[in-house]
Amino acid sequence: MCLGVPGQVVEVGDLVALVDFWGVKRQVRLDLVDEPVQVGDYVLNHVGFAIRRIPPEDVGTTLELYEQLIRENTGAGPEDLMAADIRGEIAASDATDSLAGRSPIKTEESR
């Protein structure tokens, strides 16, 4: 099963956007997204590509589901498979950046 990770668009370029995933900012390609995005929109990211713009009426429910998955996975006992997939998506995005020769986005926390 593949899982897209939701994030909020904070900057938009030609075919790349800077997206905030719970405080972690990453560049995401816009080649595959189903409709144009703008700053403030939420998108689903899959291995560094925005695959879908989340309709505004679905954003709250989508974010709540992901926050619940992360919250419930405390590390005590077997890891929840969906939470592991979310972490895998973020790691794959980092790997895609490295392979493309892009350096990870510096956030305020990492400076």
N, C-alpha and C. Protein backbone atom coordinates (compact mmCIF):
# COMPACT_ATOMS: atom_id res chain seq x y z
N MET A 1 0.84 -1.17 0.00
CA MET A 1 0.00 0.00 0.00
C MET A 1 0.89 1.24 0.00
N CYS A 2 0.54 2.18 -0.83
CA CYS A 2 1.24 3.46 -0.84
C CYS A 2 0.34 4.51 -0.20
N LEU A 3 0.96 5.45 0.43
CA LEU A 3 0.21 6.46 1.16
C LEU A 3 0.80 7.83 0.87
N GLY A 4 -0.04 8.78 0.50
CA GLY A 4 0.41 10.15 0.31
C GLY A 4 0.38 10.87 1.65
N VAL A 5 1.31 11.78 1.84
CA VAL A 5 1.40 12.55 3.09
C VAL A 5 0.91 13.97 2.81
N PRO A 6 -0.06 14.46 3.60
CA PRO A 6 -0.57 15.82 3.35
C PRO A 6 0.38 16.89 3.88
N GLY A 7 0.42 18.00 3.16
CA GLY A 7 1.21 19.14 3.59
C GLY A 7 0.65 20.41 3.00
N GLN A 8 1.03 21.55 3.62
CA GLN A 8 0.52 22.84 3.16
C GLN A 8 1.57 23.55 2.31
N VAL A 9 1.14 24.04 1.17
CA VAL A 9 2.01 24.76 0.24
C VAL A 9 2.34 26.13 0.83
N VAL A 10 3.65 26.43 0.94
CA VAL A 10 4.08 27.73 1.48
C VAL A 10 4.75 28.60 0.42
N GLU A 11 5.23 27.99 -0.67
CA GLU A 11 5.79 28.74 -1.80
C GLU A 11 5.52 27.93 -3.06
N VAL A 12 5.32 28.63 -4.19
CA VAL A 12 5.09 27.95 -5.46
C VAL A 12 6.03 28.53 -6.50
N GLY A 13 6.75 27.62 -7.20
CA GLY A 13 7.57 28.00 -8.34
C GLY A 13 6.91 27.47 -9.60
N ASP A 14 7.69 27.31 -10.66
CA ASP A 14 7.13 26.80 -11.91
C ASP A 14 6.59 25.38 -11.74
N LEU A 15 7.46 24.44 -11.46
CA LEU A 15 7.04 23.05 -11.28
C LEU A 15 7.45 22.49 -9.93
N VAL A 16 7.78 23.38 -8.99
CA VAL A 16 8.20 22.96 -7.65
C VAL A 16 7.50 23.84 -6.62
N ALA A 17 7.10 23.23 -5.53
CA ALA A 17 6.52 24.00 -4.42
C ALA A 17 7.28 23.64 -3.15
N LEU A 18 7.33 24.58 -2.23
CA LEU A 18 7.84 24.31 -0.89
C LEU A 18 6.62 23.99 -0.04
N VAL A 19 6.63 22.80 0.58
CA VAL A 19 5.47 22.31 1.32
C VAL A 19 5.87 22.03 2.76
N ASP A 20 5.02 22.42 3.68
CA ASP A 20 5.23 22.24 5.11
C ASP A 20 4.48 20.99 5.57
N PHE A 21 5.25 20.00 6.06
CA PHE A 21 4.70 18.77 6.61
C PHE A 21 4.92 18.80 8.12
N TRP A 22 3.98 19.32 8.87
CA TRP A 22 4.07 19.40 10.33
C TRP A 22 5.39 20.03 10.77
N GLY A 23 5.75 21.14 10.15
CA GLY A 23 6.96 21.85 10.54
C GLY A 23 8.21 21.47 9.77
N VAL A 24 8.15 20.41 8.99
CA VAL A 24 9.28 20.00 8.14
C VAL A 24 8.97 20.47 6.73
N LYS A 25 9.82 21.32 6.19
CA LYS A 25 9.57 21.87 4.85
C LYS A 25 10.41 21.14 3.82
N ARG A 26 9.73 20.75 2.74
CA ARG A 26 10.38 20.01 1.66
C ARG A 26 9.93 20.55 0.31
N GLN A 27 10.83 20.43 -0.67
CA GLN A 27 10.45 20.75 -2.05
C GLN A 27 9.67 19.58 -2.60
N VAL A 28 8.59 19.88 -3.29
CA VAL A 28 7.73 18.87 -3.89
C VAL A 28 7.51 19.23 -5.34
N ARG A 29 7.63 18.26 -6.22
CA ARG A 29 7.40 18.48 -7.65
C ARG A 29 5.90 18.59 -7.91
N LEU A 30 5.55 19.43 -8.88
CA LEU A 30 4.14 19.66 -9.21
C LEU A 30 3.75 19.07 -10.57
N ASP A 31 4.63 18.27 -11.16
CA ASP A 31 4.37 17.70 -12.48
C ASP A 31 3.10 16.86 -12.54
N LEU A 32 2.76 16.17 -11.45
CA LEU A 32 1.68 15.19 -11.47
C LEU A 32 0.40 15.63 -10.77
N VAL A 33 0.43 16.77 -10.10
CA VAL A 33 -0.74 17.19 -9.32
C VAL A 33 -1.95 17.36 -10.23
N ASP A 34 -3.13 17.01 -9.70
CA ASP A 34 -4.34 16.96 -10.51
C ASP A 34 -4.91 18.32 -10.90
N GLU A 35 -4.52 19.39 -10.20
CA GLU A 35 -4.97 20.74 -10.55
C GLU A 35 -3.97 21.75 -10.00
N PRO A 36 -3.98 22.97 -10.54
CA PRO A 36 -3.02 23.98 -10.07
C PRO A 36 -3.16 24.23 -8.56
N VAL A 37 -2.02 24.53 -7.93
CA VAL A 37 -2.02 24.83 -6.50
C VAL A 37 -1.47 26.22 -6.26
N GLN A 38 -1.84 26.77 -5.12
CA GLN A 38 -1.33 28.07 -4.73
C GLN A 38 -0.97 28.04 -3.25
N VAL A 39 -0.29 29.06 -2.80
CA VAL A 39 0.11 29.15 -1.39
C VAL A 39 -1.15 29.02 -0.53
N GLY A 40 -1.04 28.17 0.51
CA GLY A 40 -2.16 27.93 1.42
C GLY A 40 -2.92 26.66 1.12
N ASP A 41 -2.81 26.14 -0.11
CA ASP A 41 -3.46 24.88 -0.45
C ASP A 41 -2.77 23.72 0.25
N TYR A 42 -3.48 22.62 0.40
CA TYR A 42 -2.91 21.38 0.91
C TYR A 42 -2.84 20.38 -0.24
N VAL A 43 -1.73 19.63 -0.27
CA VAL A 43 -1.54 18.61 -1.30
C VAL A 43 -1.16 17.29 -0.64
N LEU A 44 -1.40 16.20 -1.37
CA LEU A 44 -0.89 14.90 -0.95
C LEU A 44 0.43 14.68 -1.67
N ASN A 45 1.48 14.36 -0.92
CA ASN A 45 2.81 14.13 -1.45
C ASN A 45 3.09 12.62 -1.46
N HIS A 46 3.61 12.16 -2.58
CA HIS A 46 4.07 10.77 -2.66
C HIS A 46 5.46 10.79 -3.26
N VAL A 47 6.45 10.38 -2.49
CA VAL A 47 7.88 10.35 -2.86
C VAL A 47 8.34 11.61 -3.60
N GLY A 48 7.97 12.77 -3.06
CA GLY A 48 8.45 14.02 -3.60
C GLY A 48 7.61 14.63 -4.69
N PHE A 49 6.47 14.04 -5.00
CA PHE A 49 5.57 14.56 -6.02
C PHE A 49 4.20 14.83 -5.41
N ALA A 50 3.67 16.02 -5.67
CA ALA A 50 2.29 16.31 -5.27
C ALA A 50 1.39 15.55 -6.25
N ILE A 51 0.55 14.68 -5.72
CA ILE A 51 -0.30 13.88 -6.61
C ILE A 51 -1.74 14.35 -6.60
N ARG A 52 -2.11 15.15 -5.60
CA ARG A 52 -3.50 15.60 -5.52
C ARG A 52 -3.59 16.84 -4.65
N ARG A 53 -4.37 17.81 -5.09
CA ARG A 53 -4.71 18.96 -4.26
C ARG A 53 -5.88 18.52 -3.39
N ILE A 54 -5.75 18.70 -2.07
CA ILE A 54 -6.83 18.30 -1.15
C ILE A 54 -7.88 19.40 -1.16
N PRO A 55 -9.13 19.06 -1.47
CA PRO A 55 -10.19 20.07 -1.45
C PRO A 55 -10.29 20.71 -0.07
N PRO A 56 -10.51 22.03 -0.01
CA PRO A 56 -10.56 22.73 1.28
C PRO A 56 -11.51 22.08 2.28
N GLU A 57 -12.63 21.55 1.81
CA GLU A 57 -13.60 20.95 2.73
C GLU A 57 -13.11 19.61 3.32
N ASP A 58 -12.05 19.02 2.76
CA ASP A 58 -11.51 17.75 3.24
C ASP A 58 -10.25 17.90 4.08
N VAL A 59 -9.68 19.10 4.13
CA VAL A 59 -8.39 19.31 4.79
C VAL A 59 -8.45 18.93 6.27
N GLY A 60 -9.43 19.43 7.00
CA GLY A 60 -9.52 19.17 8.44
C GLY A 60 -9.59 17.70 8.77
N THR A 61 -10.43 16.97 8.08
CA THR A 61 -10.58 15.53 8.31
C THR A 61 -9.30 14.79 7.97
N THR A 62 -8.68 15.16 6.84
CA THR A 62 -7.44 14.50 6.41
C THR A 62 -6.33 14.71 7.43
N LEU A 63 -6.12 15.95 7.87
CA LEU A 63 -5.05 16.23 8.84
C LEU A 63 -5.33 15.55 10.17
N GLU A 64 -6.58 15.52 10.59
CA GLU A 64 -6.92 14.86 11.86
C GLU A 64 -6.59 13.36 11.81
N LEU A 65 -6.86 12.72 10.68
CA LEU A 65 -6.55 11.30 10.53
C LEU A 65 -5.05 11.06 10.66
N TYR A 66 -4.24 11.85 9.97
CA TYR A 66 -2.79 11.67 10.04
C TYR A 66 -2.25 11.99 11.42
N GLU A 67 -2.77 13.03 12.05
CA GLU A 67 -2.31 13.36 13.40
C GLU A 67 -2.66 12.24 14.38
N GLN A 68 -3.81 11.62 14.20
CA GLN A 68 -4.20 10.49 15.05
C GLN A 68 -3.26 9.31 14.84
N LEU A 69 -2.91 9.03 13.59
CA LEU A 69 -1.99 7.93 13.29
C LEU A 69 -0.65 8.15 13.99
N ILE A 70 -0.13 9.36 13.89
CA ILE A 70 1.16 9.66 14.50
C ILE A 70 1.06 9.61 16.03
N ARG A 71 -0.02 10.17 16.57
CA ARG A 71 -0.21 10.21 18.03
C ARG A 71 -0.32 8.80 18.62
N GLU A 72 -1.04 7.92 17.93
CA GLU A 72 -1.25 6.57 18.45
C GLU A 72 -0.01 5.70 18.34
N ASN A 73 0.94 6.07 17.50
CA ASN A 73 2.15 5.29 17.35
C ASN A 73 3.21 5.85 18.30
N THR A 74 3.18 5.38 19.54
CA THR A 74 4.08 5.92 20.57
C THR A 74 5.43 5.24 20.60
N GLY A 75 5.59 4.17 19.84
CA GLY A 75 6.84 3.43 19.86
C GLY A 75 6.83 2.27 20.85
N ALA A 76 5.79 2.17 21.67
CA ALA A 76 5.66 1.05 22.60
C ALA A 76 4.89 -0.06 21.90
N GLY A 77 5.54 -1.14 21.59
CA GLY A 77 4.89 -2.24 20.89
C GLY A 77 5.09 -2.12 19.39
N PRO A 78 4.37 -2.95 18.64
CA PRO A 78 4.55 -2.96 17.19
C PRO A 78 4.17 -1.62 16.57
N GLU A 79 4.94 -1.20 15.58
CA GLU A 79 4.68 0.07 14.94
C GLU A 79 3.47 -0.04 14.01
N ASP A 80 2.61 0.95 14.07
CA ASP A 80 1.46 1.03 13.19
C ASP A 80 1.95 1.13 11.75
N LEU A 81 1.40 0.31 10.85
CA LEU A 81 1.89 0.27 9.48
C LEU A 81 1.65 1.57 8.73
N MET A 82 0.53 2.24 8.97
CA MET A 82 0.30 3.50 8.27
C MET A 82 1.25 4.59 8.76
N ALA A 83 1.50 4.64 10.07
CA ALA A 83 2.45 5.62 10.59
C ALA A 83 3.84 5.35 10.03
N ALA A 84 4.20 4.07 9.92
CA ALA A 84 5.49 3.71 9.34
C ALA A 84 5.55 4.15 7.88
N ASP A 85 4.44 4.03 7.17
CA ASP A 85 4.40 4.44 5.77
C ASP A 85 4.57 5.95 5.65
N ILE A 86 3.97 6.71 6.56
CA ILE A 86 4.13 8.17 6.55
C ILE A 86 5.60 8.52 6.74
N ARG A 87 6.25 7.88 7.71
CA ARG A 87 7.67 8.14 7.93
C ARG A 87 8.49 7.72 6.70
N GLY A 88 8.10 6.63 6.07
CA GLY A 88 8.78 6.18 4.86
C GLY A 88 8.64 7.16 3.71
N GLU A 89 7.46 7.77 3.58
CA GLU A 89 7.25 8.78 2.54
C GLU A 89 8.17 9.97 2.74
N ILE A 90 8.30 10.41 3.98
CA ILE A 90 9.18 11.55 4.27
C ILE A 90 10.63 11.19 3.99
N ALA A 91 11.04 9.98 4.37
CA ALA A 91 12.41 9.53 4.09
C ALA A 91 12.65 9.40 2.60
N ALA A 92 11.66 8.90 1.86
CA ALA A 92 11.81 8.76 0.41
C ALA A 92 11.93 10.12 -0.26
N SER A 93 11.22 11.11 0.26
CA SER A 93 11.32 12.47 -0.27
C SER A 93 12.74 13.00 -0.09
N ASP A 94 13.34 12.70 1.08
CA ASP A 94 14.73 13.10 1.32
C ASP A 94 15.66 12.42 0.32
N ALA A 95 15.43 11.13 0.08
CA ALA A 95 16.28 10.38 -0.85
C ALA A 95 16.14 10.92 -2.26
N THR A 96 14.91 11.28 -2.67
CA THR A 96 14.68 11.84 -3.99
C THR A 96 15.45 13.14 -4.15
N ASP A 97 15.43 13.98 -3.11
CA ASP A 97 16.18 15.23 -3.13
C ASP A 97 17.67 14.96 -3.33
N SER A 98 18.20 13.98 -2.59
CA SER A 98 19.63 13.65 -2.68
C SER A 98 20.00 13.16 -4.07
N LEU A 99 19.17 12.28 -4.65
CA LEU A 99 19.46 11.74 -5.97
C LEU A 99 19.41 12.82 -7.04
N ALA A 100 18.55 13.80 -6.85
CA ALA A 100 18.42 14.88 -7.83
C ALA A 100 19.46 15.97 -7.62
N GLY A 101 20.31 15.80 -6.59
CA GLY A 101 21.34 16.78 -6.33
C GLY A 101 20.85 18.01 -5.60
N ARG A 102 19.63 17.92 -5.04
CA ARG A 102 19.09 19.05 -4.27
C ARG A 102 19.43 18.84 -2.81
N SER A 103 19.79 19.91 -2.14
CA SER A 103 20.03 19.80 -0.72
C SER A 103 18.71 19.99 0.01
N PRO A 104 18.57 19.32 1.16
CA PRO A 104 17.33 19.46 1.93
C PRO A 104 17.07 20.92 2.28
N ILE A 105 15.79 21.25 2.37
CA ILE A 105 15.38 22.60 2.75
C ILE A 105 15.76 22.83 4.20
N LYS A 106 16.38 23.96 4.45
CA LYS A 106 16.73 24.33 5.83
C LYS A 106 15.52 24.99 6.48
N THR A 107 15.13 24.49 7.63
CA THR A 107 14.06 25.12 8.38
C THR A 107 14.68 25.94 9.49
N GLU A 108 13.88 26.76 10.13
CA GLU A 108 14.38 27.57 11.24
C GLU A 108 14.99 26.68 12.33
N GLU A 109 14.36 25.52 12.56
CA GLU A 109 14.84 24.62 13.61
C GLU A 109 16.21 24.03 13.29
N SER A 110 16.52 23.85 11.99
CA SER A 110 17.78 23.20 11.63
C SER A 110 18.92 24.18 11.40
N ARG A 111 18.65 25.47 11.53
CA ARG A 111 19.70 26.46 11.30
C ARG A 111 20.49 26.73 12.53
